[in-house]
């Protein structure tokens, strides 16, 4: 099968991610079937000039089914739709949590895949206003994507890659990992750590402005600029930190970071984190 002529079903096509996915798929040569249950979502799909297809009909025709629905809905959604999919088709979820936790209904003759966008890199060389404005990705700024597939069939992998490149376009590279590795990256590396640090920076800005009384414009300017330097030096080694900065950094590590912070990369901690995200008592193995 040519990857230029696949049939894609988007379940949850009227949601926030579903609309992003659908907007990009609509620009391809693929046959796309849009499905949405909520009245508000259906209205958004129609307003975008797209025809709605009932989910059972859509998944029965599709070569690949993109589940653009919240993690908490993936269990019941796959229980309803996977049995209706045609043999040899692919079900693609957009986050690894439910797949890693074993919450998805599976079939031996339906391939399970997961993909997630990397979002445009802080080091991306942007050349247009549209690229600068697209901090999330999927509109103008190029990004990488991470994907996992539970199949050794190169044809199935090609369909997944073609779909991933379409829904997250423009895509530079698609990196292939296991489902577990994708779960270790998202949430542990990028949500538990990177996003937490981003929120911590905002908390620190608030303290500088509202506790220390620094003018907000001055605090934002120095924080935004130094955040770029910190990331460029820390992640790429662009310039060495000064000796005085290294002393201040060590004080910050001792004052803020727990000595055992690396435990978040352990399997039991990953399970505990994902169980909380999925509102489960525990992840069963």
C-alpha atoms as a PDB file:
ATOM      1  CA  UNK A   1       0.000   0.000   0.000  1.00  0.00           C
ATOM      2  CA  UNK A   2       1.301   3.452  -0.883  1.00  0.00           C
ATOM      3  CA  UNK A   3       1.610   5.757   2.119  1.00  0.00           C
ATOM      4  CA  UNK A   4       0.316   8.560  -0.103  1.00  0.00           C
ATOM      5  CA  UNK A   5      -3.137   6.990  -0.418  1.00  0.00           C
ATOM      6  CA  UNK A   6      -4.071   5.785   3.059  1.00  0.00           C
ATOM      7  CA  UNK A   7      -7.420   6.253   4.769  1.00  0.00           C
ATOM      8  CA  UNK A   8      -7.160   7.955   8.158  1.00  0.00           C
ATOM      9  CA  UNK A   9      -9.943   8.144  10.747  1.00  0.00           C
ATOM     10  CA  UNK A  10      -9.683  10.899  13.365  1.00  0.00           C
ATOM     11  CA  UNK A  11     -11.661  10.111  16.506  1.00  0.00           C
ATOM     12  CA  UNK A  12     -12.250  13.234  18.577  1.00  0.00           C
ATOM     13  CA  UNK A  13     -11.812  15.440  15.520  1.00  0.00           C
ATOM     14  CA  UNK A  14     -13.528  18.423  17.155  1.00  0.00           C
ATOM     15  CA  UNK A  15     -11.362  18.619  20.256  1.00  0.00           C
ATOM     16  CA  UNK A  16      -8.301  20.818  20.756  1.00  0.00           C
ATOM     17  CA  UNK A  17      -5.806  18.230  19.531  1.00  0.00           C
ATOM     18  CA  UNK A  18      -8.331  16.746  17.129  1.00  0.00           C
ATOM     19  CA  UNK A  19      -8.692  20.065  15.326  1.00  0.00           C
ATOM     20  CA  UNK A  20      -4.898  20.464  15.089  1.00  0.00           C
ATOM     21  CA  UNK A  21      -4.585  16.943  13.688  1.00  0.00           C
ATOM     22  CA  UNK A  22      -7.482  17.458  11.282  1.00  0.00           C
ATOM     23  CA  UNK A  23      -6.204  20.812  10.034  1.00  0.00           C
ATOM     24  CA  UNK A  24      -2.927  19.190   8.999  1.00  0.00           C
ATOM     25  CA  UNK A  25      -4.469  16.027   7.551  1.00  0.00           C
ATOM     26  CA  UNK A  26      -6.827  18.148   5.450  1.00  0.00           C
ATOM     27  CA  UNK A  27      -3.761  19.469   3.592  1.00  0.00           C
ATOM     28  CA  UNK A  28      -2.603  15.983   2.560  1.00  0.00           C
ATOM     29  CA  UNK A  29      -3.684  13.608  -0.182  1.00  0.00           C
ATOM     30  CA  UNK A  30      -4.962  11.088   2.374  1.00  0.00           C
ATOM     31  CA  UNK A  31      -8.630  10.159   2.631  1.00  0.00           C
ATOM     32  CA  UNK A  32      -9.648  11.489   6.038  1.00  0.00           C
ATOM     33  CA  UNK A  33     -12.780  10.545   8.012  1.00  0.00           C
ATOM     34  CA  UNK A  34     -13.674  12.890  10.855  1.00  0.00           C
ATOM     35  CA  UNK A  35     -15.584  11.612  13.877  1.00  0.00           C
ATOM     36  CA  UNK A  36     -16.723  13.551  16.946  1.00  0.00           C
ATOM     37  CA  UNK A  37     -19.290  12.741  19.646  1.00  0.00           C
ATOM     38  CA  UNK A  38     -19.802  16.054  21.443  1.00  0.00           C
ATOM     39  CA  UNK A  39     -22.242  18.559  19.923  1.00  0.00           C
ATOM     40  CA  UNK A  40     -19.797  21.448  20.410  1.00  0.00           C
ATOM     41  CA  UNK A  41     -17.027  19.452  18.766  1.00  0.00           C
ATOM     42  CA  UNK A  42     -19.285  18.476  15.892  1.00  0.00           C
ATOM     43  CA  UNK A  43     -20.068  22.134  15.305  1.00  0.00           C
ATOM     44  CA  UNK A  44     -16.348  22.965  15.155  1.00  0.00           C
ATOM     45  CA  UNK A  45     -15.793  20.198  12.602  1.00  0.00           C
ATOM     46  CA  UNK A  46     -18.665  21.454  10.433  1.00  0.00           C
ATOM     47  CA  UNK A  47     -17.507  25.072  10.786  1.00  0.00           C
ATOM     48  CA  UNK A  48     -14.143  23.946   9.398  1.00  0.00           C
ATOM     49  CA  UNK A  49     -15.966  22.658   6.306  1.00  0.00           C
ATOM     50  CA  UNK A  50     -15.518  18.976   7.114  1.00  0.00           C
ATOM     51  CA  UNK A  51     -18.054  16.180   6.893  1.00  0.00           C
ATOM     52  CA  UNK A  52     -18.670  14.039   9.957  1.00  0.00           C
ATOM     53  CA  UNK A  53     -18.627  10.238   9.870  1.00  0.00           C
ATOM     54  CA  UNK A  54     -19.948   8.013  12.657  1.00  0.00           C
ATOM     55  CA  UNK A  55     -17.095   6.401  14.565  1.00  0.00           C
ATOM     56  CA  UNK A  56     -18.032   2.743  13.815  1.00  0.00           C
ATOM     57  CA  UNK A  57     -18.171   3.472  10.087  1.00  0.00           C
ATOM     58  CA  UNK A  58     -14.956   5.508  10.158  1.00  0.00           C
ATOM     59  CA  UNK A  59     -12.827   2.917  11.956  1.00  0.00           C
ATOM     60  CA  UNK A  60     -14.173   0.093   9.795  1.00  0.00           C
ATOM     61  CA  UNK A  61     -12.833   1.835   6.667  1.00  0.00           C
ATOM     62  CA  UNK A  62      -9.570   3.249   8.000  1.00  0.00           C
ATOM     63  CA  UNK A  63      -6.054   1.972   7.465  1.00  0.00           C
ATOM     64  CA  UNK A  64      -5.039   3.906  10.569  1.00  0.00           C
ATOM     65  CA  UNK A  65      -7.221   5.299  13.361  1.00  0.00           C
ATOM     66  CA  UNK A  66      -5.931   8.372  15.202  1.00  0.00           C
ATOM     67  CA  UNK A  67      -7.381   8.618  18.714  1.00  0.00           C
ATOM     68  CA  UNK A  68      -7.318  12.342  19.496  1.00  0.00           C
ATOM     69  CA  UNK A  69      -9.159  11.885  22.794  1.00  0.00           C
ATOM     70  CA  UNK A  70      -8.109  12.468  26.434  1.00  0.00           C
ATOM     71  CA  UNK A  71      -6.067   9.749  28.141  1.00  0.00           C
ATOM     72  CA  UNK A  72      -8.886   9.012  30.566  1.00  0.00           C
ATOM     73  CA  UNK A  73     -11.231   8.224  27.670  1.00  0.00           C
ATOM     74  CA  UNK A  74      -8.896   5.873  25.791  1.00  0.00           C
ATOM     75  CA  UNK A  75      -9.926   2.769  27.724  1.00  0.00           C
ATOM     76  CA  UNK A  76     -13.641   2.921  26.913  1.00  0.00           C
ATOM     77  CA  UNK A  77     -13.041   4.367  23.439  1.00  0.00           C
ATOM     78  CA  UNK A  78     -10.739   1.513  22.405  1.00  0.00           C
ATOM     79  CA  UNK A  79     -13.087  -1.025  24.015  1.00  0.00           C
ATOM     80  CA  UNK A  80     -15.824   0.249  21.713  1.00  0.00           C
ATOM     81  CA  UNK A  81     -13.872   0.893  18.517  1.00  0.00           C
ATOM     82  CA  UNK A  82     -10.968  -1.567  18.276  1.00  0.00           C
ATOM     83  CA  UNK A  83     -13.310  -4.559  17.808  1.00  0.00           C
ATOM     84  CA  UNK A  84     -14.862  -2.694  14.860  1.00  0.00           C
ATOM     85  CA  UNK A  85     -11.560  -1.990  13.066  1.00  0.00           C
ATOM     86  CA  UNK A  86     -10.631  -3.920   9.955  1.00  0.00           C
ATOM     87  CA  UNK A  87      -7.999  -6.615  10.192  1.00  0.00           C
ATOM     88  CA  UNK A  88      -4.482  -5.328   9.566  1.00  0.00           C
ATOM     89  CA  UNK A  89      -5.268  -1.733  10.433  1.00  0.00           C
ATOM     90  CA  UNK A  90      -3.424   0.442  12.957  1.00  0.00           C
ATOM     91  CA  UNK A  91      -4.638   2.287  16.043  1.00  0.00           C
ATOM     92  CA  UNK A  92      -2.538   5.338  16.915  1.00  0.00           C
ATOM     93  CA  UNK A  93      -2.745   7.048  20.301  1.00  0.00           C
ATOM     94  CA  UNK A  94      -1.111  10.438  20.848  1.00  0.00           C
ATOM     95  CA  UNK A  95       0.236   9.856  24.352  1.00  0.00           C
ATOM     96  CA  UNK A  96       1.947   6.776  25.829  1.00  0.00           C
ATOM     97  CA  UNK A  97       0.390   6.700  29.307  1.00  0.00           C
ATOM     98  CA  UNK A  98      -2.665   4.526  28.619  1.00  0.00           C
ATOM     99  CA  UNK A  99      -0.758   2.209  26.282  1.00  0.00           C
ATOM    100  CA  UNK A 100       2.039   1.722  28.816  1.00  0.00           C
ATOM    101  CA  UNK A 101      -0.491   1.119  31.586  1.00  0.00           C
ATOM    102  CA  UNK A 102      -2.228  -1.584  29.563  1.00  0.00           C
ATOM    103  CA  UNK A 103      -5.561   0.226  29.514  1.00  0.00           C
ATOM    104  CA  UNK A 104      -6.173  -0.115  25.779  1.00  0.00           C
ATOM    105  CA  UNK A 105      -8.264  -2.823  24.190  1.00  0.00           C
ATOM    106  CA  UNK A 106      -6.051  -4.712  21.750  1.00  0.00           C
ATOM    107  CA  UNK A 107      -6.436  -7.278  18.971  1.00  0.00           C
ATOM    108  CA  UNK A 108      -3.834  -9.606  17.525  1.00  0.00           C
ATOM    109  CA  UNK A 109      -4.671  -8.427  14.011  1.00  0.00           C
ATOM    110  CA  UNK A 110      -4.686  -4.695  14.830  1.00  0.00           C
ATOM    111  CA  UNK A 111      -1.345  -2.927  15.273  1.00  0.00           C
ATOM    112  CA  UNK A 112      -0.900  -0.621  18.249  1.00  0.00           C
ATOM    113  CA  UNK A 113       1.195   2.528  17.837  1.00  0.00           C
ATOM    114  CA  UNK A 114       1.872   5.653  19.862  1.00  0.00           C
ATOM    115  CA  UNK A 115       3.245   9.024  18.800  1.00  0.00           C
ATOM    116  CA  UNK A 116       3.950  12.330  20.482  1.00  0.00           C
ATOM    117  CA  UNK A 117       5.259  15.667  19.184  1.00  0.00           C
ATOM    118  CA  UNK A 118       8.577  17.001  20.465  1.00  0.00           C
ATOM    119  CA  UNK A 119       7.394  20.606  19.915  1.00  0.00           C
ATOM    120  CA  UNK A 120       9.719  23.119  18.216  1.00  0.00           C
ATOM    121  CA  UNK A 121      13.176  23.150  19.796  1.00  0.00           C
ATOM    122  CA  UNK A 122      14.357  26.170  21.749  1.00  0.00           C
ATOM    123  CA  UNK A 123      17.386  25.999  19.443  1.00  0.00           C
ATOM    124  CA  UNK A 124      15.339  25.946  16.239  1.00  0.00           C
ATOM    125  CA  UNK A 125      16.511  28.480  13.677  1.00  0.00           C
ATOM    126  CA  UNK A 126      13.305  30.399  13.036  1.00  0.00           C
ATOM    127  CA  UNK A 127      13.107  32.690  10.022  1.00  0.00           C
ATOM    128  CA  UNK A 128       9.511  33.981   9.967  1.00  0.00           C
ATOM    129  CA  UNK A 129       7.066  35.613  12.388  1.00  0.00           C
ATOM    130  CA  UNK A 130       4.769  32.606  11.960  1.00  0.00           C
ATOM    131  CA  UNK A 131       7.521  30.250  13.108  1.00  0.00           C
ATOM    132  CA  UNK A 132       8.280  32.421  16.133  1.00  0.00           C
ATOM    133  CA  UNK A 133       4.579  32.499  17.030  1.00  0.00           C
ATOM    134  CA  UNK A 134       4.223  28.712  16.739  1.00  0.00           C
ATOM    135  CA  UNK A 135       5.680  27.633  20.073  1.00  0.00           C
ATOM    136  CA  UNK A 136       3.549  24.458  20.234  1.00  0.00           C
ATOM    137  CA  UNK A 137       4.275  23.185  16.728  1.00  0.00           C
ATOM    138  CA  UNK A 138       2.082  21.739  14.019  1.00  0.00           C
ATOM    139  CA  UNK A 139       1.490  25.049  12.258  1.00  0.00           C
ATOM    140  CA  UNK A 140       4.632  26.757  10.966  1.00  0.00           C
ATOM    141  CA  UNK A 141       7.619  25.845  13.128  1.00  0.00           C
ATOM    142  CA  UNK A 142       9.341  22.534  12.274  1.00  0.00           C
ATOM    143  CA  UNK A 143       9.573  19.941  15.024  1.00  0.00           C
ATOM    144  CA  UNK A 144      10.623  16.347  15.612  1.00  0.00           C
ATOM    145  CA  UNK A 145       8.266  13.587  16.734  1.00  0.00           C
ATOM    146  CA  UNK A 146       8.655  10.403  18.783  1.00  0.00           C
ATOM    147  CA  UNK A 147       6.871   7.203  17.781  1.00  0.00           C
ATOM    148  CA  UNK A 148       6.547   3.605  18.907  1.00  0.00           C
ATOM    149  CA  UNK A 149       4.931   0.675  17.133  1.00  0.00           C
ATOM    150  CA  UNK A 150       4.278  -2.879  18.248  1.00  0.00           C
ATOM    151  CA  UNK A 151       5.014  -4.471  14.890  1.00  0.00           C
ATOM    152  CA  UNK A 152       8.064  -5.501  12.872  1.00  0.00           C
ATOM    153  CA  UNK A 153       6.241  -4.968   9.579  1.00  0.00           C
ATOM    154  CA  UNK A 154       8.045  -2.167   7.676  1.00  0.00           C
ATOM    155  CA  UNK A 155       4.859  -1.371   5.749  1.00  0.00           C
ATOM    156  CA  UNK A 156       2.966  -0.700   8.992  1.00  0.00           C
ATOM    157  CA  UNK A 157       5.837   1.418  10.281  1.00  0.00           C
ATOM    158  CA  UNK A 158       5.782   3.413   7.049  1.00  0.00           C
ATOM    159  CA  UNK A 159       2.054   4.124   7.458  1.00  0.00           C
ATOM    160  CA  UNK A 160       2.592   5.288  11.030  1.00  0.00           C
ATOM    161  CA  UNK A 161       5.489   7.535  10.016  1.00  0.00           C
ATOM    162  CA  UNK A 162       3.502   9.027   7.136  1.00  0.00           C
ATOM    163  CA  UNK A 163       0.627   9.746   9.515  1.00  0.00           C
ATOM    164  CA  UNK A 164       2.891  11.197  12.199  1.00  0.00           C
ATOM    165  CA  UNK A 165       4.586  13.457   9.656  1.00  0.00           C
ATOM    166  CA  UNK A 166       1.160  14.618   8.491  1.00  0.00           C
ATOM    167  CA  UNK A 167      -0.486  15.308  11.848  1.00  0.00           C
ATOM    168  CA  UNK A 168       2.510  17.102  13.372  1.00  0.00           C
ATOM    169  CA  UNK A 169       3.692  18.845  10.188  1.00  0.00           C
ATOM    170  CA  UNK A 170       6.159  20.282   9.474  1.00  0.00           C
ATOM    171  CA  UNK A 171       8.257  17.407  10.874  1.00  0.00           C
ATOM    172  CA  UNK A 172      12.047  17.196  10.638  1.00  0.00           C
ATOM    173  CA  UNK A 173      12.711  13.704  12.063  1.00  0.00           C
ATOM    174  CA  UNK A 174      10.649  10.865  13.525  1.00  0.00           C
ATOM    175  CA  UNK A 175      12.546   9.077  16.293  1.00  0.00           C
ATOM    176  CA  UNK A 176      11.557   5.459  17.020  1.00  0.00           C
ATOM    177  CA  UNK A 177      11.491   4.127  20.577  1.00  0.00           C
ATOM    178  CA  UNK A 178       9.556   1.539  22.591  1.00  0.00           C
ATOM    179  CA  UNK A 179       6.252   2.374  24.305  1.00  0.00           C
ATOM    180  CA  UNK A 180       8.006   2.221  27.680  1.00  0.00           C
ATOM    181  CA  UNK A 181      10.769   4.538  26.499  1.00  0.00           C
ATOM    182  CA  UNK A 182       8.199   6.991  25.216  1.00  0.00           C
ATOM    183  CA  UNK A 183       6.522   6.898  28.633  1.00  0.00           C
ATOM    184  CA  UNK A 184       9.902   7.554  30.245  1.00  0.00           C
ATOM    185  CA  UNK A 185      10.312  10.591  28.017  1.00  0.00           C
ATOM    186  CA  UNK A 186       6.703  11.777  28.421  1.00  0.00           C
ATOM    187  CA  UNK A 187       5.959  12.381  31.274  1.00  0.00           C
ATOM    188  CA  UNK A 188       9.196  11.847  33.241  1.00  0.00           C
ATOM    189  CA  UNK A 189      11.760  13.812  31.252  1.00  0.00           C
ATOM    190  CA  UNK A 190       9.579  16.544  29.808  1.00  0.00           C
ATOM    191  CA  UNK A 191       6.604  16.983  32.159  1.00  0.00           C
ATOM    192  CA  UNK A 192       7.852  15.817  35.549  1.00  0.00           C
ATOM    193  CA  UNK A 193      11.153  17.663  35.081  1.00  0.00           C
ATOM    194  CA  UNK A 194      11.188  20.205  32.214  1.00  0.00           C
ATOM    195  CA  UNK A 195       7.623  21.517  32.585  1.00  0.00           C
ATOM    196  CA  UNK A 196       7.996  21.589  36.368  1.00  0.00           C
ATOM    197  CA  UNK A 197      11.119  23.723  35.975  1.00  0.00           C
ATOM    198  CA  UNK A 198       9.229  26.046  33.622  1.00  0.00           C
ATOM    199  CA  UNK A 199       6.504  26.514  36.237  1.00  0.00           C
ATOM    200  CA  UNK A 200       9.158  26.985  38.924  1.00  0.00           C
ATOM    201  CA  UNK A 201      10.700  29.798  36.881  1.00  0.00           C
ATOM    202  CA  UNK A 202       7.319  31.518  36.796  1.00  0.00           C
ATOM    203  CA  UNK A 203       6.996  31.083  40.576  1.00  0.00           C
ATOM    204  CA  UNK A 204      10.461  32.596  41.002  1.00  0.00           C
ATOM    205  CA  UNK A 205       9.490  35.537  38.799  1.00  0.00           C
ATOM    206  CA  UNK A 206       6.434  36.105  40.989  1.00  0.00           C
ATOM    207  CA  UNK A 207       8.624  36.129  44.103  1.00  0.00           C
ATOM    208  CA  UNK A 208      11.070  38.596  42.579  1.00  0.00           C
ATOM    209  CA  UNK A 209       8.251  40.957  41.677  1.00  0.00           C
ATOM    210  CA  UNK A 210       5.823  40.573  44.587  1.00  0.00           C
ATOM    211  CA  UNK A 211       8.108  39.642  47.490  1.00  0.00           C
ATOM    212  CA  UNK A 212      11.359  41.464  46.658  1.00  0.00           C
ATOM    213  CA  UNK A 213       9.606  44.359  44.921  1.00  0.00           C
ATOM    214  CA  UNK A 214      11.646  44.308  41.694  1.00  0.00           C
ATOM    215  CA  UNK A 215       9.895  46.081  38.773  1.00  0.00           C
ATOM    216  CA  UNK A 216       8.220  43.380  36.705  1.00  0.00           C
ATOM    217  CA  UNK A 217       9.657  44.525  33.368  1.00  0.00           C
ATOM    218  CA  UNK A 218      13.190  44.361  34.779  1.00  0.00           C
ATOM    219  CA  UNK A 219      12.614  40.925  36.330  1.00  0.00           C
ATOM    220  CA  UNK A 220      11.122  39.498  33.136  1.00  0.00           C
ATOM    221  CA  UNK A 221      13.920  40.883  30.968  1.00  0.00           C
ATOM    222  CA  UNK A 222      16.744  39.446  33.037  1.00  0.00           C
ATOM    223  CA  UNK A 223      14.977  36.104  33.571  1.00  0.00           C
ATOM    224  CA  UNK A 224      14.075  35.601  29.897  1.00  0.00           C
ATOM    225  CA  UNK A 225      17.583  36.420  28.726  1.00  0.00           C
ATOM    226  CA  UNK A 226      19.345  34.375  31.377  1.00  0.00           C
ATOM    227  CA  UNK A 227      17.025  31.434  30.798  1.00  0.00           C
ATOM    228  CA  UNK A 228      18.238  31.299  27.201  1.00  0.00           C
ATOM    229  CA  UNK A 229      21.859  31.482  28.345  1.00  0.00           C
ATOM    230  CA  UNK A 230      21.281  28.843  31.023  1.00  0.00           C
ATOM    231  CA  UNK A 231      19.730  26.410  28.546  1.00  0.00           C
ATOM    232  CA  UNK A 232      22.294  27.069  25.817  1.00  0.00           C
ATOM    233  CA  UNK A 233      25.189  26.638  28.256  1.00  0.00           C
ATOM    234  CA  UNK A 234      23.655  23.754  30.191  1.00  0.00           C
ATOM    235  CA  UNK A 235      22.332  21.707  27.265  1.00  0.00           C
ATOM    236  CA  UNK A 236      24.791  22.590  24.500  1.00  0.00           C
ATOM    237  CA  UNK A 237      27.852  23.933  26.307  1.00  0.00           C
ATOM    238  CA  UNK A 238      27.806  27.115  24.227  1.00  0.00           C
ATOM    239  CA  UNK A 239      29.737  29.080  26.843  1.00  0.00           C
ATOM    240  CA  UNK A 240      31.141  28.017  30.238  1.00  0.00           C
ATOM    241  CA  UNK A 241      29.372  29.266  33.340  1.00  0.00           C
ATOM    242  CA  UNK A 242      31.528  31.657  35.334  1.00  0.00           C
ATOM    243  CA  UNK A 243      33.114  30.505  38.597  1.00  0.00           C
ATOM    244  CA  UNK A 244      30.789  32.758  40.589  1.00  0.00           C
ATOM    245  CA  UNK A 245      27.774  31.395  38.670  1.00  0.00           C
ATOM    246  CA  UNK A 246      28.828  27.817  39.426  1.00  0.00           C
ATOM    247  CA  UNK A 247      28.925  28.658  43.160  1.00  0.00           C
ATOM    248  CA  UNK A 248      25.434  30.173  42.949  1.00  0.00           C
ATOM    249  CA  UNK A 249      24.197  27.154  40.968  1.00  0.00           C
ATOM    250  CA  UNK A 250      25.510  24.758  43.618  1.00  0.00           C
ATOM    251  CA  UNK A 251      23.774  26.806  46.331  1.00  0.00           C
ATOM    252  CA  UNK A 252      20.543  26.588  44.329  1.00  0.00           C
ATOM    253  CA  UNK A 253      20.901  22.818  43.879  1.00  0.00           C
ATOM    254  CA  UNK A 254      21.476  22.300  47.621  1.00  0.00           C
ATOM    255  CA  UNK A 255      18.595  24.621  48.539  1.00  0.00           C
ATOM    256  CA  UNK A 256      15.992  23.507  46.011  1.00  0.00           C
ATOM    257  CA  UNK A 257      16.748  20.073  44.523  1.00  0.00           C
ATOM    258  CA  UNK A 258      16.351  16.902  46.576  1.00  0.00           C
ATOM    259  CA  UNK A 259      19.363  14.611  46.748  1.00  0.00           C
ATOM    260  CA  UNK A 260      17.287  11.642  45.546  1.00  0.00           C
ATOM    261  CA  UNK A 261      15.634  13.425  42.619  1.00  0.00           C
ATOM    262  CA  UNK A 262      16.864  10.889  40.052  1.00  0.00           C
ATOM    263  CA  UNK A 263      14.499   8.296  41.500  1.00  0.00           C
ATOM    264  CA  UNK A 264      11.818   9.677  39.154  1.00  0.00           C
ATOM    265  CA  UNK A 265      13.494   7.630  36.398  1.00  0.00           C
ATOM    266  CA  UNK A 266      12.892   4.335  38.238  1.00  0.00           C
ATOM    267  CA  UNK A 267      10.145   2.024  36.957  1.00  0.00           C
ATOM    268  CA  UNK A 268       8.151   2.050  40.191  1.00  0.00           C
ATOM    269  CA  UNK A 269       8.170   5.845  40.250  1.00  0.00           C
ATOM    270  CA  UNK A 270       7.087   5.967  36.610  1.00  0.00           C
ATOM    271  CA  UNK A 271       4.210   3.636  37.452  1.00  0.00           C
ATOM    272  CA  UNK A 272       3.231   5.779  40.434  1.00  0.00           C
ATOM    273  CA  UNK A 273       3.351   8.963  38.368  1.00  0.00           C
ATOM    274  CA  UNK A 274       1.289   7.533  35.502  1.00  0.00           C
ATOM    275  CA  UNK A 275      -1.233   5.991  37.886  1.00  0.00           C
ATOM    276  CA  UNK A 276      -1.836   9.444  39.360  1.00  0.00           C
ATOM    277  CA  UNK A 277      -2.158  10.984  35.889  1.00  0.00           C
ATOM    278  CA  UNK A 278      -4.624   8.297  34.821  1.00  0.00           C
ATOM    279  CA  UNK A 279      -6.460   8.440  38.172  1.00  0.00           C
ATOM    280  CA  UNK A 280      -5.745   4.800  38.921  1.00  0.00           C
ATOM    281  CA  UNK A 281      -5.001   3.290  42.309  1.00  0.00           C
ATOM    282  CA  UNK A 282      -2.058   1.494  40.719  1.00  0.00           C
ATOM    283  CA  UNK A 283      -0.795   0.235  37.392  1.00  0.00           C
ATOM    284  CA  UNK A 284      -1.214  -3.520  37.203  1.00  0.00           C
ATOM    285  CA  UNK A 285       1.445  -5.673  35.557  1.00  0.00           C
END
